[in-house]
Amino acid sequence: MAGFNKVILMGNLTRNPELRYTPSGTPVASFGLAVSRRFKQGEDLKEEVCFVDIVVFGKQAEHCGQYLSKGNGAIVEGRLQQRRWETEDGQKRSKHEVVAQTVTFMPKRQDGGGGGGGEPPIHDEPSYDVMDEQG
C-alpha cells in the first residue's frame, strides 16, 4: 500500500535560517518554525506551541537565507522525514523534520499588533486531560 506524506504549516521562525552547501554545491537552509494553536478549554483561553525543524534545498534555500530572519512568518509545504544517526560515542539518535518543497514568506506584522492577518482561530476543546484516556 502506498503512503501519503504532506505537511502544511504556518508559523514564525524561531531562529535565523542557517545556509550551507553540500559537497556538490547544492544550497541547504535550515530553520526552526513555531506553530501556535489557540483554543478554549472551559472558560480558559489556552495556547499550545509546536516547534518544528525545517530543511529546504536549492534556490529556495538561498532565498530563505537571504530574506527570512527570526520572527518572520512563513507557510511551509513539504513532507515529514525522520533522520537517524549515531554519535561519536555510539549512541543512536533520530529526529523528525519537515523537508520543504515550498516556503511562502508572510508579510511582517506592524508594531502594536495590527496587520498580519489577525489572530489565529480559537477552537473549543474538551475539558479533560489526554492522560485520562490512557489510563
N, C-alpha and C. Protein backbone atom coordinates (compact mmCIF):
# COMPACT_ATOMS: atom_id res chain seq x y z
N MET A 1 0.84 -1.18 0.00
CA MET A 1 0.00 0.00 0.00
C MET A 1 0.89 1.24 0.00
N ALA A 2 0.57 2.18 -0.86
CA ALA A 2 1.33 3.42 -0.94
C ALA A 2 0.95 4.36 0.19
N GLY A 3 1.89 5.15 0.65
CA GLY A 3 1.63 6.11 1.73
C GLY A 3 1.44 7.50 1.18
N PHE A 4 1.04 8.39 2.04
CA PHE A 4 0.86 9.80 1.69
C PHE A 4 1.53 10.63 2.76
N ASN A 5 2.40 11.55 2.37
CA ASN A 5 3.17 12.33 3.32
C ASN A 5 3.19 13.78 2.86
N LYS A 6 2.31 14.60 3.41
CA LYS A 6 2.21 16.02 3.05
C LYS A 6 2.00 16.81 4.32
N VAL A 7 2.78 17.87 4.51
CA VAL A 7 2.70 18.71 5.69
C VAL A 7 2.56 20.16 5.23
N ILE A 8 1.61 20.88 5.84
CA ILE A 8 1.46 22.32 5.60
C ILE A 8 1.44 22.99 6.96
N LEU A 9 2.37 23.90 7.19
CA LEU A 9 2.50 24.59 8.47
C LEU A 9 2.57 26.10 8.25
N MET A 10 2.01 26.86 9.17
CA MET A 10 2.16 28.31 9.15
C MET A 10 2.60 28.73 10.54
N GLY A 11 3.69 29.48 10.62
CA GLY A 11 4.20 29.90 11.92
C GLY A 11 5.26 30.96 11.78
N ASN A 12 6.02 31.15 12.85
CA ASN A 12 7.08 32.15 12.88
C ASN A 12 8.43 31.47 13.10
N LEU A 13 9.46 32.00 12.44
CA LEU A 13 10.79 31.45 12.58
C LEU A 13 11.31 31.67 14.00
N THR A 14 11.91 30.63 14.57
CA THR A 14 12.47 30.72 15.92
C THR A 14 13.96 31.06 15.89
N ARG A 15 14.56 30.98 14.74
CA ARG A 15 15.96 31.35 14.58
C ARG A 15 16.21 31.72 13.12
N ASN A 16 17.28 32.46 12.88
CA ASN A 16 17.64 32.83 11.52
C ASN A 16 17.98 31.58 10.72
N PRO A 17 17.63 31.53 9.44
CA PRO A 17 18.00 30.37 8.62
C PRO A 17 19.52 30.22 8.56
N GLU A 18 19.96 28.98 8.64
CA GLU A 18 21.38 28.68 8.50
C GLU A 18 21.58 28.12 7.10
N LEU A 19 22.30 28.86 6.26
CA LEU A 19 22.54 28.46 4.88
C LEU A 19 23.91 27.82 4.76
N ARG A 20 23.94 26.64 4.16
CA ARG A 20 25.21 25.95 3.90
C ARG A 20 25.09 25.27 2.54
N TYR A 21 26.16 24.63 2.11
CA TYR A 21 26.18 23.99 0.80
C TYR A 21 26.70 22.56 0.94
N THR A 22 26.07 21.63 0.20
CA THR A 22 26.54 20.25 0.19
C THR A 22 27.87 20.20 -0.56
N PRO A 23 28.63 19.10 -0.45
CA PRO A 23 29.89 18.99 -1.19
C PRO A 23 29.71 19.17 -2.71
N SER A 24 28.52 18.84 -3.22
CA SER A 24 28.28 19.00 -4.67
C SER A 24 27.81 20.42 -5.01
N GLY A 25 27.65 21.29 -3.98
CA GLY A 25 27.29 22.68 -4.24
C GLY A 25 25.82 23.02 -4.10
N THR A 26 24.99 22.06 -3.69
CA THR A 26 23.56 22.33 -3.52
C THR A 26 23.32 23.15 -2.26
N PRO A 27 22.60 24.28 -2.36
CA PRO A 27 22.29 25.08 -1.17
C PRO A 27 21.29 24.35 -0.27
N VAL A 28 21.51 24.44 1.05
CA VAL A 28 20.63 23.85 2.04
C VAL A 28 20.44 24.87 3.16
N ALA A 29 19.19 25.19 3.47
CA ALA A 29 18.91 26.09 4.59
C ALA A 29 18.10 25.33 5.63
N SER A 30 18.36 25.61 6.90
CA SER A 30 17.57 25.01 7.97
C SER A 30 17.19 26.12 8.95
N PHE A 31 15.97 25.98 9.49
CA PHE A 31 15.49 26.93 10.48
C PHE A 31 14.40 26.27 11.31
N GLY A 32 14.07 26.89 12.42
CA GLY A 32 13.00 26.40 13.28
C GLY A 32 11.74 27.21 13.03
N LEU A 33 10.59 26.56 13.17
CA LEU A 33 9.30 27.20 12.99
C LEU A 33 8.44 26.91 14.21
N ALA A 34 7.88 27.96 14.80
CA ALA A 34 6.96 27.81 15.93
C ALA A 34 5.55 27.93 15.38
N VAL A 35 4.74 26.89 15.60
CA VAL A 35 3.36 26.85 15.11
C VAL A 35 2.45 26.87 16.33
N SER A 36 1.66 27.93 16.46
CA SER A 36 0.79 28.11 17.63
C SER A 36 -0.63 27.64 17.33
N ARG A 37 -1.27 27.15 18.37
CA ARG A 37 -2.68 26.77 18.30
C ARG A 37 -3.35 27.33 19.53
N ARG A 38 -4.35 28.17 19.31
CA ARG A 38 -5.11 28.74 20.42
C ARG A 38 -6.44 28.01 20.52
N PHE A 39 -6.85 27.72 21.75
CA PHE A 39 -8.11 27.02 21.94
C PHE A 39 -8.70 27.40 23.28
N LYS A 40 -9.98 27.18 23.38
CA LYS A 40 -10.70 27.45 24.62
C LYS A 40 -10.95 26.13 25.32
N GLN A 41 -10.62 26.08 26.60
CA GLN A 41 -10.85 24.88 27.41
C GLN A 41 -11.68 25.34 28.60
N GLY A 42 -12.96 25.02 28.57
CA GLY A 42 -13.88 25.58 29.55
C GLY A 42 -13.98 27.08 29.31
N GLU A 43 -13.69 27.87 30.33
CA GLU A 43 -13.70 29.33 30.18
C GLU A 43 -12.30 29.89 29.93
N ASP A 44 -11.28 29.03 29.97
CA ASP A 44 -9.90 29.49 29.84
C ASP A 44 -9.46 29.48 28.38
N LEU A 45 -8.68 30.49 28.01
CA LEU A 45 -8.07 30.56 26.69
C LEU A 45 -6.65 30.00 26.82
N LYS A 46 -6.35 28.97 26.05
CA LYS A 46 -5.05 28.30 26.12
C LYS A 46 -4.32 28.47 24.80
N GLU A 47 -3.00 28.35 24.87
CA GLU A 47 -2.19 28.37 23.66
C GLU A 47 -1.16 27.25 23.75
N GLU A 48 -1.03 26.52 22.66
CA GLU A 48 -0.09 25.41 22.58
C GLU A 48 0.85 25.72 21.42
N VAL A 49 2.14 25.57 21.63
CA VAL A 49 3.11 25.86 20.58
C VAL A 49 3.87 24.59 20.25
N CYS A 50 3.99 24.32 18.97
CA CYS A 50 4.75 23.18 18.47
C CYS A 50 5.97 23.72 17.72
N PHE A 51 7.15 23.24 18.07
CA PHE A 51 8.39 23.69 17.44
C PHE A 51 8.84 22.63 16.43
N VAL A 52 9.05 23.06 15.19
CA VAL A 52 9.35 22.13 14.11
C VAL A 52 10.62 22.58 13.40
N ASP A 53 11.52 21.63 13.13
CA ASP A 53 12.71 21.92 12.34
C ASP A 53 12.38 21.79 10.86
N ILE A 54 12.83 22.77 10.07
CA ILE A 54 12.56 22.82 8.63
C ILE A 54 13.89 22.78 7.88
N VAL A 55 13.93 22.02 6.77
CA VAL A 55 15.07 21.96 5.87
C VAL A 55 14.57 22.24 4.47
N VAL A 56 15.28 23.10 3.74
CA VAL A 56 14.87 23.43 2.37
C VAL A 56 16.12 23.45 1.49
N PHE A 57 15.98 23.01 0.24
CA PHE A 57 17.12 22.86 -0.67
C PHE A 57 16.99 23.80 -1.88
N GLY A 58 18.11 23.97 -2.59
CA GLY A 58 18.12 24.67 -3.87
C GLY A 58 17.98 26.17 -3.76
N LYS A 59 17.42 26.75 -4.81
CA LYS A 59 17.25 28.21 -4.89
C LYS A 59 16.40 28.73 -3.73
N GLN A 60 15.37 27.96 -3.34
CA GLN A 60 14.53 28.38 -2.21
C GLN A 60 15.36 28.49 -0.93
N ALA A 61 16.34 27.63 -0.75
CA ALA A 61 17.21 27.70 0.43
C ALA A 61 17.96 29.02 0.43
N GLU A 62 18.48 29.41 -0.73
CA GLU A 62 19.19 30.69 -0.83
C GLU A 62 18.26 31.86 -0.54
N HIS A 63 17.03 31.80 -1.06
CA HIS A 63 16.06 32.87 -0.81
C HIS A 63 15.71 32.95 0.68
N CYS A 64 15.53 31.79 1.33
CA CYS A 64 15.25 31.79 2.77
C CYS A 64 16.40 32.42 3.54
N GLY A 65 17.63 32.05 3.19
CA GLY A 65 18.80 32.60 3.86
C GLY A 65 18.93 34.10 3.67
N GLN A 66 18.50 34.58 2.51
CA GLN A 66 18.64 35.99 2.19
C GLN A 66 17.50 36.85 2.77
N TYR A 67 16.27 36.34 2.74
CA TYR A 67 15.12 37.19 3.05
C TYR A 67 14.41 36.90 4.37
N LEU A 68 14.63 35.73 4.97
CA LEU A 68 13.95 35.41 6.22
C LEU A 68 14.87 35.62 7.42
N SER A 69 14.27 35.94 8.55
CA SER A 69 15.03 36.05 9.80
C SER A 69 14.11 35.68 10.96
N LYS A 70 14.70 35.51 12.12
CA LYS A 70 13.96 35.14 13.32
C LYS A 70 12.76 36.07 13.51
N GLY A 71 11.58 35.48 13.76
CA GLY A 71 10.37 36.27 13.98
C GLY A 71 9.50 36.42 12.74
N ASN A 72 10.08 36.24 11.55
CA ASN A 72 9.29 36.33 10.32
C ASN A 72 8.29 35.19 10.25
N GLY A 73 7.15 35.45 9.62
CA GLY A 73 6.16 34.42 9.40
C GLY A 73 6.41 33.71 8.08
N ALA A 74 6.03 32.44 8.02
CA ALA A 74 6.20 31.66 6.79
C ALA A 74 5.18 30.53 6.75
N ILE A 75 4.81 30.17 5.53
CA ILE A 75 4.00 28.98 5.29
C ILE A 75 4.93 27.97 4.62
N VAL A 76 5.00 26.78 5.19
CA VAL A 76 5.89 25.73 4.69
C VAL A 76 5.05 24.56 4.23
N GLU A 77 5.27 24.13 2.99
CA GLU A 77 4.64 22.92 2.46
C GLU A 77 5.74 21.94 2.14
N GLY A 78 5.57 20.70 2.59
CA GLY A 78 6.60 19.71 2.32
C GLY A 78 6.21 18.34 2.83
N ARG A 79 7.21 17.58 3.22
CA ARG A 79 6.99 16.22 3.70
C ARG A 79 7.76 16.02 5.00
N LEU A 80 7.24 15.14 5.83
CA LEU A 80 7.88 14.79 7.09
C LEU A 80 8.91 13.71 6.84
N GLN A 81 10.08 13.87 7.46
CA GLN A 81 11.10 12.83 7.34
C GLN A 81 11.77 12.61 8.69
N GLN A 82 12.22 11.38 8.91
CA GLN A 82 12.96 11.05 10.12
C GLN A 82 14.41 10.82 9.72
N ARG A 83 15.30 11.55 10.39
CA ARG A 83 16.74 11.37 10.18
C ARG A 83 17.29 10.56 11.33
N ARG A 84 18.17 9.61 11.02
CA ARG A 84 18.80 8.77 12.04
C ARG A 84 20.31 8.86 11.88
N TRP A 85 21.02 8.90 13.04
CA TRP A 85 22.47 8.92 13.02
C TRP A 85 23.00 8.35 14.33
N GLU A 86 24.29 8.13 14.34
CA GLU A 86 24.94 7.61 15.52
C GLU A 86 26.00 8.62 15.96
N THR A 87 26.05 8.91 17.26
CA THR A 87 27.01 9.86 17.79
C THR A 87 28.39 9.21 17.84
N GLU A 88 29.40 10.04 18.11
CA GLU A 88 30.78 9.52 18.17
C GLU A 88 30.95 8.47 19.26
N ASP A 89 30.15 8.58 20.33
CA ASP A 89 30.25 7.59 21.40
C ASP A 89 29.30 6.40 21.22
N GLY A 90 28.72 6.27 20.01
CA GLY A 90 27.92 5.09 19.67
C GLY A 90 26.45 5.16 20.01
N GLN A 91 25.96 6.29 20.52
CA GLN A 91 24.53 6.41 20.83
C GLN A 91 23.73 6.69 19.56
N LYS A 92 22.61 5.99 19.45
CA LYS A 92 21.75 6.19 18.29
C LYS A 92 20.81 7.36 18.55
N ARG A 93 20.67 8.23 17.56
CA ARG A 93 19.81 9.41 17.66
C ARG A 93 18.90 9.46 16.43
N SER A 94 17.77 10.15 16.62
CA SER A 94 16.88 10.39 15.48
C SER A 94 16.09 11.66 15.74
N LYS A 95 15.60 12.25 14.68
CA LYS A 95 14.73 13.42 14.82
C LYS A 95 13.85 13.52 13.59
N HIS A 96 12.67 14.11 13.81
CA HIS A 96 11.75 14.38 12.71
C HIS A 96 11.94 15.82 12.27
N GLU A 97 11.83 16.05 10.98
CA GLU A 97 11.91 17.39 10.42
C GLU A 97 11.05 17.43 9.17
N VAL A 98 10.73 18.64 8.75
CA VAL A 98 9.97 18.82 7.52
C VAL A 98 10.93 19.23 6.42
N VAL A 99 10.92 18.49 5.31
CA VAL A 99 11.68 18.86 4.14
C VAL A 99 10.73 19.69 3.27
N ALA A 100 11.01 20.98 3.16
CA ALA A 100 10.10 21.90 2.48
C ALA A 100 10.24 21.81 0.97
N GLN A 101 9.09 21.76 0.30
CA GLN A 101 9.08 21.89 -1.15
C GLN A 101 8.81 23.34 -1.54
N THR A 102 7.99 24.04 -0.74
CA THR A 102 7.77 25.47 -0.96
C THR A 102 7.74 26.18 0.39
N VAL A 103 8.31 27.38 0.40
CA VAL A 103 8.27 28.26 1.56
C VAL A 103 7.72 29.59 1.09
N THR A 104 6.59 29.99 1.65
CA THR A 104 5.95 31.26 1.30
C THR A 104 6.20 32.24 2.43
N PHE A 105 6.79 33.38 2.09
CA PHE A 105 7.09 34.40 3.10
C PHE A 105 5.81 35.17 3.42
N MET A 106 5.56 35.38 4.71
CA MET A 106 4.38 36.13 5.15
C MET A 106 4.77 37.59 5.37
N PRO A 107 3.82 38.52 5.15
CA PRO A 107 4.14 39.93 5.41
C PRO A 107 4.45 40.13 6.89
N LYS A 108 5.36 41.06 7.15
CA LYS A 108 5.72 41.34 8.54
C LYS A 108 4.56 42.05 9.23
N ARG A 109 4.35 41.70 10.51
CA ARG A 109 3.30 42.35 11.30
C ARG A 109 3.77 43.74 11.69
N GLN A 110 2.84 44.67 11.75
CA GLN A 110 3.15 46.02 12.20
C GLN A 110 3.24 46.03 13.71
N ASP A 111 4.05 46.96 14.27
CA ASP A 111 4.12 47.12 15.72
C ASP A 111 2.75 47.48 16.25
N GLY A 112 2.44 47.07 17.45
CA GLY A 112 1.14 47.35 18.04
C GLY A 112 0.11 46.29 17.72
N GLY A 113 0.52 45.19 17.07
CA GLY A 113 -0.38 44.07 16.84
C GLY A 113 -1.28 44.21 15.63
N GLY A 114 -1.18 45.29 14.88
CA GLY A 114 -2.03 45.44 13.70
C GLY A 114 -1.46 44.69 12.52
N GLY A 115 -2.28 44.45 11.52
CA GLY A 115 -1.83 43.80 10.30
C GLY A 115 -1.54 42.33 10.53
N GLY A 116 -0.97 41.69 9.52
CA GLY A 116 -0.55 40.31 9.65
C GLY A 116 -1.67 39.29 9.63
N GLY A 117 -2.89 39.70 9.31
CA GLY A 117 -3.95 38.73 9.13
C GLY A 117 -4.75 38.41 10.38
N GLY A 118 -4.52 39.11 11.48
CA GLY A 118 -5.33 38.91 12.67
C GLY A 118 -4.89 37.73 13.49
N GLU A 119 -5.68 37.42 14.50
CA GLU A 119 -5.36 36.35 15.43
C GLU A 119 -5.77 35.00 14.85
N PRO A 120 -5.06 33.93 15.23
CA PRO A 120 -5.47 32.61 14.78
C PRO A 120 -6.81 32.24 15.40
N PRO A 121 -7.56 31.35 14.78
CA PRO A 121 -8.87 30.98 15.31
C PRO A 121 -8.75 30.27 16.65
N ILE A 122 -9.80 30.37 17.44
CA ILE A 122 -9.87 29.71 18.73
C ILE A 122 -10.84 28.55 18.61
N HIS A 123 -10.44 27.37 19.06
CA HIS A 123 -11.27 26.18 18.96
C HIS A 123 -11.66 25.72 20.35
N ASP A 124 -12.88 25.24 20.49
CA ASP A 124 -13.31 24.67 21.77
C ASP A 124 -12.70 23.29 21.91
N GLU A 125 -12.17 23.02 23.08
CA GLU A 125 -11.55 21.72 23.36
C GLU A 125 -12.30 21.07 24.50
N PRO A 126 -12.36 19.75 24.52
CA PRO A 126 -12.95 19.08 25.67
C PRO A 126 -12.12 19.38 26.91
N SER A 127 -12.75 19.43 28.07
CA SER A 127 -12.05 19.83 29.29
C SER A 127 -11.52 18.63 30.06
N TYR A 128 -10.94 17.66 29.38
CA TYR A 128 -10.30 16.54 30.04
C TYR A 128 -8.85 16.47 29.59
N ASP A 129 -8.05 15.80 30.36
CA ASP A 129 -6.63 15.66 30.07
C ASP A 129 -6.42 14.43 29.20
N VAL A 130 -5.45 14.49 28.30
CA VAL A 130 -5.15 13.36 27.44
C VAL A 130 -4.77 12.12 28.26
N MET A 131 -4.12 12.34 29.39
CA MET A 131 -3.73 11.22 30.24
C MET A 131 -4.93 10.44 30.76
N ASP A 132 -6.10 11.12 30.89
CA ASP A 132 -7.31 10.43 31.35
C ASP A 132 -7.68 9.29 30.41
N GLU A 133 -7.43 9.47 29.11
CA GLU A 133 -7.80 8.45 28.12
C GLU A 133 -6.84 7.27 28.14
N GLN A 134 -5.60 7.52 28.57
CA GLN A 134 -4.59 6.47 28.51
C GLN A 134 -4.57 5.60 29.75
N GLY A 135 -5.33 5.92 30.75
CA GLY A 135 -5.42 5.05 31.90
C GLY A 135 -4.79 5.68 33.07
